[in-house]
Amino acid sequence: MNFERLKSYWAAQHYLGKRPPVGMHSEESVKAFVKNVEGAIGYINVKNLDNDIKVLYRWSE
């Protein structure tokens, strides 16, 4: 899904009372969030993985 379609999707979901996922500015902030917030999930590039992060799924294009 491209960025414009994603924005449109979440705009529609907003009016149905659903909230979009939290956006982060960097993969380092995603890693910190996932490590410190119980139940949190996120996605990062595989080259930025470390041993403190549990991988749930990997995909390739």
PDB file of N, CA and C in Angstrom:
ATOM      1  N   MET A   1       0.853  -1.165   0.000  1.00  0.00           N
ATOM      2  CA  MET A   1       0.000   0.000   0.000  1.00  0.00           C
ATOM      3  C   MET A   1       0.900   1.229   0.000  1.00  0.00           C
ATOM      4  N   ASN A   2       0.673   2.143  -0.917  1.00  0.00           N
ATOM      5  CA  ASN A   2       1.501   3.343  -0.942  1.00  0.00           C
ATOM      6  C   ASN A   2       1.087   4.314   0.168  1.00  0.00           C
ATOM      7  N   PHE A   3       1.891   5.345   0.366  1.00  0.00           N
ATOM      8  CA  PHE A   3       1.688   6.268   1.481  1.00  0.00           C
ATOM      9  C   PHE A   3       0.348   6.996   1.398  1.00  0.00           C
ATOM     10  N   GLU A   4      -0.029   7.450   0.218  1.00  0.00           N
ATOM     11  CA  GLU A   4      -1.298   8.173   0.075  1.00  0.00           C
ATOM     12  C   GLU A   4      -2.492   7.276   0.392  1.00  0.00           C
ATOM     13  N   ARG A   5      -2.434   6.041  -0.059  1.00  0.00           N
ATOM     14  CA  ARG A   5      -3.518   5.105   0.235  1.00  0.00           C
ATOM     15  C   ARG A   5      -3.572   4.800   1.730  1.00  0.00           C
ATOM     16  N   LEU A   6      -2.416   4.674   2.356  1.00  0.00           N
ATOM     17  CA  LEU A   6      -2.348   4.431   3.791  1.00  0.00           C
ATOM     18  C   LEU A   6      -2.961   5.593   4.575  1.00  0.00           C
ATOM     19  N   LYS A   7      -2.636   6.812   4.189  1.00  0.00           N
ATOM     20  CA  LYS A   7      -3.224   7.994   4.844  1.00  0.00           C
ATOM     21  C   LYS A   7      -4.744   7.994   4.691  1.00  0.00           C
ATOM     22  N   SER A   8      -5.224   7.687   3.505  1.00  0.00           N
ATOM     23  CA  SER A   8      -6.654   7.646   3.243  1.00  0.00           C
ATOM     24  C   SER A   8      -7.339   6.573   4.090  1.00  0.00           C
ATOM     25  N   TYR A   9      -6.692   5.413   4.178  1.00  0.00           N
ATOM     26  CA  TYR A   9      -7.237   4.322   4.984  1.00  0.00           C
ATOM     27  C   TYR A   9      -7.413   4.763   6.432  1.00  0.00           C
ATOM     28  N   TRP A  10      -6.364   5.363   7.028  1.00  0.00           N
ATOM     29  CA  TRP A  10      -6.447   5.739   8.431  1.00  0.00           C
ATOM     30  C   TRP A  10      -7.378   6.922   8.654  1.00  0.00           C
ATOM     31  N   ALA A  11      -7.541   7.777   7.668  1.00  0.00           N
ATOM     32  CA  ALA A  11      -8.524   8.865   7.786  1.00  0.00           C
ATOM     33  C   ALA A  11      -9.930   8.274   7.899  1.00  0.00           C
ATOM     34  N   ALA A  12     -10.216   7.274   7.072  1.00  0.00           N
ATOM     35  CA  ALA A  12     -11.524   6.616   7.136  1.00  0.00           C
ATOM     36  C   ALA A  12     -11.699   5.884   8.458  1.00  0.00           C
ATOM     37  N   GLN A  13     -10.662   5.198   8.926  1.00  0.00           N
ATOM     38  CA  GLN A  13     -10.732   4.461  10.180  1.00  0.00           C
ATOM     39  C   GLN A  13     -10.942   5.395  11.371  1.00  0.00           C
ATOM     40  N   HIS A  14     -10.385   6.590  11.286  1.00  0.00           N
ATOM     41  CA  HIS A  14     -10.548   7.583  12.349  1.00  0.00           C
ATOM     42  C   HIS A  14     -12.025   7.858  12.608  1.00  0.00           C
ATOM     43  N   TYR A  15     -12.800   7.988  11.552  1.00  0.00           N
ATOM     44  CA  TYR A  15     -14.227   8.273  11.698  1.00  0.00           C
ATOM     45  C   TYR A  15     -15.021   7.071  12.184  1.00  0.00           C
ATOM     46  N   LEU A  16     -14.405   5.899  12.178  1.00  0.00           N
ATOM     47  CA  LEU A  16     -15.026   4.698  12.735  1.00  0.00           C
ATOM     48  C   LEU A  16     -14.571   4.460  14.175  1.00  0.00           C
ATOM     49  N   GLY A  17     -13.769   5.393  14.701  1.00  0.00           N
ATOM     50  CA  GLY A  17     -13.326   5.307  16.085  1.00  0.00           C
ATOM     51  C   GLY A  17     -12.055   4.506  16.295  1.00  0.00           C
ATOM     52  N   LYS A  18     -11.344   4.209  15.228  1.00  0.00           N
ATOM     53  CA  LYS A  18     -10.104   3.440  15.357  1.00  0.00           C
ATOM     54  C   LYS A  18      -8.906   4.368  15.258  1.00  0.00           C
ATOM     55  N   ARG A  19      -7.851   4.020  15.990  1.00  0.00           N
ATOM     56  CA  ARG A  19      -6.654   4.847  16.017  1.00  0.00           C
ATOM     57  C   ARG A  19      -5.537   4.197  15.213  1.00  0.00           C
ATOM     58  N   PRO A  20      -4.774   4.992  14.483  1.00  0.00           N
ATOM     59  CA  PRO A  20      -3.645   4.438  13.725  1.00  0.00           C
ATOM     60  C   PRO A  20      -2.506   4.049  14.661  1.00  0.00           C
ATOM     61  N   PRO A  21      -1.596   3.215  14.172  1.00  0.00           N
ATOM     62  CA  PRO A  21      -0.429   2.877  14.987  1.00  0.00           C
ATOM     63  C   PRO A  21       0.436   4.111  15.252  1.00  0.00           C
ATOM     64  N   VAL A  22       1.186   4.055  16.315  1.00  0.00           N
ATOM     65  CA  VAL A  22       2.093   5.147  16.662  1.00  0.00           C
ATOM     66  C   VAL A  22       3.212   5.198  15.620  1.00  0.00           C
ATOM     67  N   GLY A  23       3.515   6.380  15.115  1.00  0.00           N
ATOM     68  CA  GLY A  23       4.620   6.549  14.176  1.00  0.00           C
ATOM     69  C   GLY A  23       5.884   6.962  14.903  1.00  0.00           C
ATOM     70  N   MET A  24       7.006   6.471  14.461  1.00  0.00           N
ATOM     71  CA  MET A  24       8.299   6.791  15.065  1.00  0.00           C
ATOM     72  C   MET A  24       9.188   7.457  14.023  1.00  0.00           C
ATOM     73  N   HIS A  25      10.138   8.258  14.491  1.00  0.00           N
ATOM     74  CA  HIS A  25      11.030   8.989  13.592  1.00  0.00           C
ATOM     75  C   HIS A  25      12.248   8.186  13.136  1.00  0.00           C
ATOM     76  N   SER A  26      12.561   7.121  13.860  1.00  0.00           N
ATOM     77  CA  SER A  26      13.740   6.341  13.486  1.00  0.00           C
ATOM     78  C   SER A  26      13.569   4.895  13.926  1.00  0.00           C
ATOM     79  N   GLU A  27      14.381   4.022  13.362  1.00  0.00           N
ATOM     80  CA  GLU A  27      14.344   2.624  13.772  1.00  0.00           C
ATOM     81  C   GLU A  27      14.884   2.460  15.194  1.00  0.00           C
ATOM     82  N   GLU A  28      15.772   3.330  15.604  1.00  0.00           N
ATOM     83  CA  GLU A  28      16.264   3.285  16.989  1.00  0.00           C
ATOM     84  C   GLU A  28      15.127   3.579  17.964  1.00  0.00           C
ATOM     85  N   SER A  29      14.253   4.521  17.628  1.00  0.00           N
ATOM     86  CA  SER A  29      13.126   4.820  18.512  1.00  0.00           C
ATOM     87  C   SER A  29      12.125   3.667  18.519  1.00  0.00           C
ATOM     88  N   VAL A  30      11.955   2.985  17.393  1.00  0.00           N
ATOM     89  CA  VAL A  30      11.089   1.802  17.347  1.00  0.00           C
ATOM     90  C   VAL A  30      11.652   0.722  18.267  1.00  0.00           C
ATOM     91  N   LYS A  31      12.953   0.483  18.172  1.00  0.00           N
ATOM     92  CA  LYS A  31      13.584  -0.525  19.027  1.00  0.00           C
ATOM     93  C   LYS A  31      13.407  -0.184  20.507  1.00  0.00           C
ATOM     94  N   ALA A  32      13.619   1.058  20.879  1.00  0.00           N
ATOM     95  CA  ALA A  32      13.464   1.467  22.276  1.00  0.00           C
ATOM     96  C   ALA A  32      12.019   1.286  22.737  1.00  0.00           C
ATOM     97  N   PHE A  33      11.079   1.641  21.888  1.00  0.00           N
ATOM     98  CA  PHE A  33       9.654   1.492  22.220  1.00  0.00           C
ATOM     99  C   PHE A  33       9.307   0.027  22.444  1.00  0.00           C
ATOM    100  N   VAL A  34       9.719  -0.841  21.527  1.00  0.00           N
ATOM    101  CA  VAL A  34       9.418  -2.273  21.623  1.00  0.00           C
ATOM    102  C   VAL A  34      10.069  -2.885  22.857  1.00  0.00           C
ATOM    103  N   LYS A  35      11.273  -2.456  23.180  1.00  0.00           N
ATOM    104  CA  LYS A  35      11.971  -2.997  24.346  1.00  0.00           C
ATOM    105  C   LYS A  35      11.332  -2.554  25.662  1.00  0.00           C
ATOM    106  N   ASN A  36      10.739  -1.359  25.694  1.00  0.00           N
ATOM    107  CA  ASN A  36      10.277  -0.780  26.947  1.00  0.00           C
ATOM    108  C   ASN A  36       8.776  -0.795  27.174  1.00  0.00           C
ATOM    109  N   VAL A  37       7.980  -1.126  26.156  1.00  0.00           N
ATOM    110  CA  VAL A  37       6.530  -1.128  26.307  1.00  0.00           C
ATOM    111  C   VAL A  37       6.029  -2.567  26.156  1.00  0.00           C
ATOM    112  N   GLU A  38       5.493  -3.104  27.223  1.00  0.00           N
ATOM    113  CA  GLU A  38       5.019  -4.484  27.201  1.00  0.00           C
ATOM    114  C   GLU A  38       3.937  -4.663  26.140  1.00  0.00           C
ATOM    115  N   GLY A  39       4.095  -5.687  25.316  1.00  0.00           N
ATOM    116  CA  GLY A  39       3.119  -5.990  24.277  1.00  0.00           C
ATOM    117  C   GLY A  39       3.295  -5.200  22.993  1.00  0.00           C
ATOM    118  N   ALA A  40       4.278  -4.310  22.963  1.00  0.00           N
ATOM    119  CA  ALA A  40       4.491  -3.487  21.774  1.00  0.00           C
ATOM    120  C   ALA A  40       5.093  -4.311  20.643  1.00  0.00           C
ATOM    121  N   ILE A  41       4.737  -3.949  19.418  1.00  0.00           N
ATOM    122  CA  ILE A  41       5.343  -4.540  18.233  1.00  0.00           C
ATOM    123  C   ILE A  41       5.756  -3.413  17.297  1.00  0.00           C
ATOM    124  N   GLY A  42       6.656  -3.701  16.396  1.00  0.00           N
ATOM    125  CA  GLY A  42       7.103  -2.715  15.429  1.00  0.00           C
ATOM    126  C   GLY A  42       7.820  -3.424  14.301  1.00  0.00           C
ATOM    127  N   TYR A  43       8.200  -2.653  13.304  1.00  0.00           N
ATOM    128  CA  TYR A  43       8.988  -3.252  12.239  1.00  0.00           C
ATOM    129  C   TYR A  43      10.210  -2.400  11.954  1.00  0.00           C
ATOM    130  N   ILE A  44      11.322  -3.101  11.706  1.00  0.00           N
ATOM    131  CA  ILE A  44      12.588  -2.453  11.399  1.00  0.00           C
ATOM    132  C   ILE A  44      13.318  -3.278  10.349  1.00  0.00           C
ATOM    133  N   ASN A  45      14.313  -2.688   9.763  1.00  0.00           N
ATOM    134  CA  ASN A  45      15.153  -3.381   8.800  1.00  0.00           C
ATOM    135  C   ASN A  45      15.949  -4.459   9.526  1.00  0.00           C
ATOM    136  N   VAL A  46      16.087  -5.609   8.895  1.00  0.00           N
ATOM    137  CA  VAL A  46      16.775  -6.748   9.515  1.00  0.00           C
ATOM    138  C   VAL A  46      18.217  -6.405   9.897  1.00  0.00           C
ATOM    139  N   LYS A  47      18.846  -5.498   9.180  1.00  0.00           N
ATOM    140  CA  LYS A  47      20.232  -5.146   9.507  1.00  0.00           C
ATOM    141  C   LYS A  47      20.343  -4.411  10.839  1.00  0.00           C
ATOM    142  N   ASN A  48      19.222  -3.927  11.384  1.00  0.00           N
ATOM    143  CA  ASN A  48      19.235  -3.205  12.658  1.00  0.00           C
ATOM    144  C   ASN A  48      18.769  -4.048  13.839  1.00  0.00           C
ATOM    145  N   LEU A  49      18.597  -5.343  13.628  1.00  0.00           N
ATOM    146  CA  LEU A  49      18.192  -6.224  14.728  1.00  0.00           C
ATOM    147  C   LEU A  49      19.313  -6.386  15.740  1.00  0.00           C
ATOM    148  N   ASP A  50      18.930  -6.646  16.976  1.00  0.00           N
ATOM    149  CA  ASP A  50      19.900  -7.041  17.988  1.00  0.00           C
ATOM    150  C   ASP A  50      19.282  -8.160  18.815  1.00  0.00           C
ATOM    151  N   ASN A  51      20.023  -8.694  19.750  1.00  0.00           N
ATOM    152  CA  ASN A  51      19.571  -9.863  20.510  1.00  0.00           C
ATOM    153  C   ASN A  51      18.450  -9.560  21.493  1.00  0.00           C
ATOM    154  N   ASP A  52      18.140  -8.301  21.746  1.00  0.00           N
ATOM    155  CA  ASP A  52      17.095  -7.938  22.696  1.00  0.00           C
ATOM    156  C   ASP A  52      15.707  -7.895  22.077  1.00  0.00           C
ATOM    157  N   ILE A  53      15.618  -8.128  20.775  1.00  0.00           N
ATOM    158  CA  ILE A  53      14.338  -8.026  20.072  1.00  0.00           C
ATOM    159  C   ILE A  53      13.928  -9.401  19.562  1.00  0.00           C
ATOM    160  N   LYS A  54      12.704  -9.778  19.871  1.00  0.00           N
ATOM    161  CA  LYS A  54      12.171 -11.053  19.388  1.00  0.00           C
ATOM    162  C   LYS A  54      11.535 -10.825  18.018  1.00  0.00           C
ATOM    163  N   VAL A  55      11.947 -11.611  17.047  1.00  0.00           N
ATOM    164  CA  VAL A  55      11.407 -11.512  15.688  1.00  0.00           C
ATOM    165  C   VAL A  55      10.164 -12.385  15.596  1.00  0.00           C
ATOM    166  N   LEU A  56       9.050 -11.774  15.182  1.00  0.00           N
ATOM    167  CA  LEU A  56       7.813 -12.523  15.017  1.00  0.00           C
ATOM    168  C   LEU A  56       7.615 -12.972  13.573  1.00  0.00           C
ATOM    169  N   TYR A  57       8.092 -12.173  12.638  1.00  0.00           N
ATOM    170  CA  TYR A  57       7.897 -12.470  11.223  1.00  0.00           C
ATOM    171  C   TYR A  57       8.937 -11.742  10.406  1.00  0.00           C
ATOM    172  N   ARG A  58       9.442 -12.382   9.371  1.00  0.00           N
ATOM    173  CA  ARG A  58      10.361 -11.745   8.420  1.00  0.00           C
ATOM    174  C   ARG A  58       9.764 -11.854   7.032  1.00  0.00           C
ATOM    175  N   TRP A  59       9.869 -10.788   6.262  1.00  0.00           N
ATOM    176  CA  TRP A  59       9.421 -10.855   4.886  1.00  0.00           C
ATOM    177  C   TRP A  59      10.446 -10.224   3.980  1.00  0.00           C
ATOM    178  N   SER A  60      10.383 -10.595   2.728  1.00  0.00           N
ATOM    179  CA  SER A  60      11.285 -10.006   1.741  1.00  0.00           C
ATOM    180  C   SER A  60      10.466  -9.610   0.524  1.00  0.00           C
ATOM    181  N   GLU A  61      10.975  -8.647  -0.183  1.00  0.00           N
ATOM    182  CA  GLU A  61      10.259  -8.175  -1.380  1.00  0.00           C
ATOM    183  C   GLU A  61      10.797  -8.831  -2.612  1.00  0.00           C
TER     184      GLU A  61
END
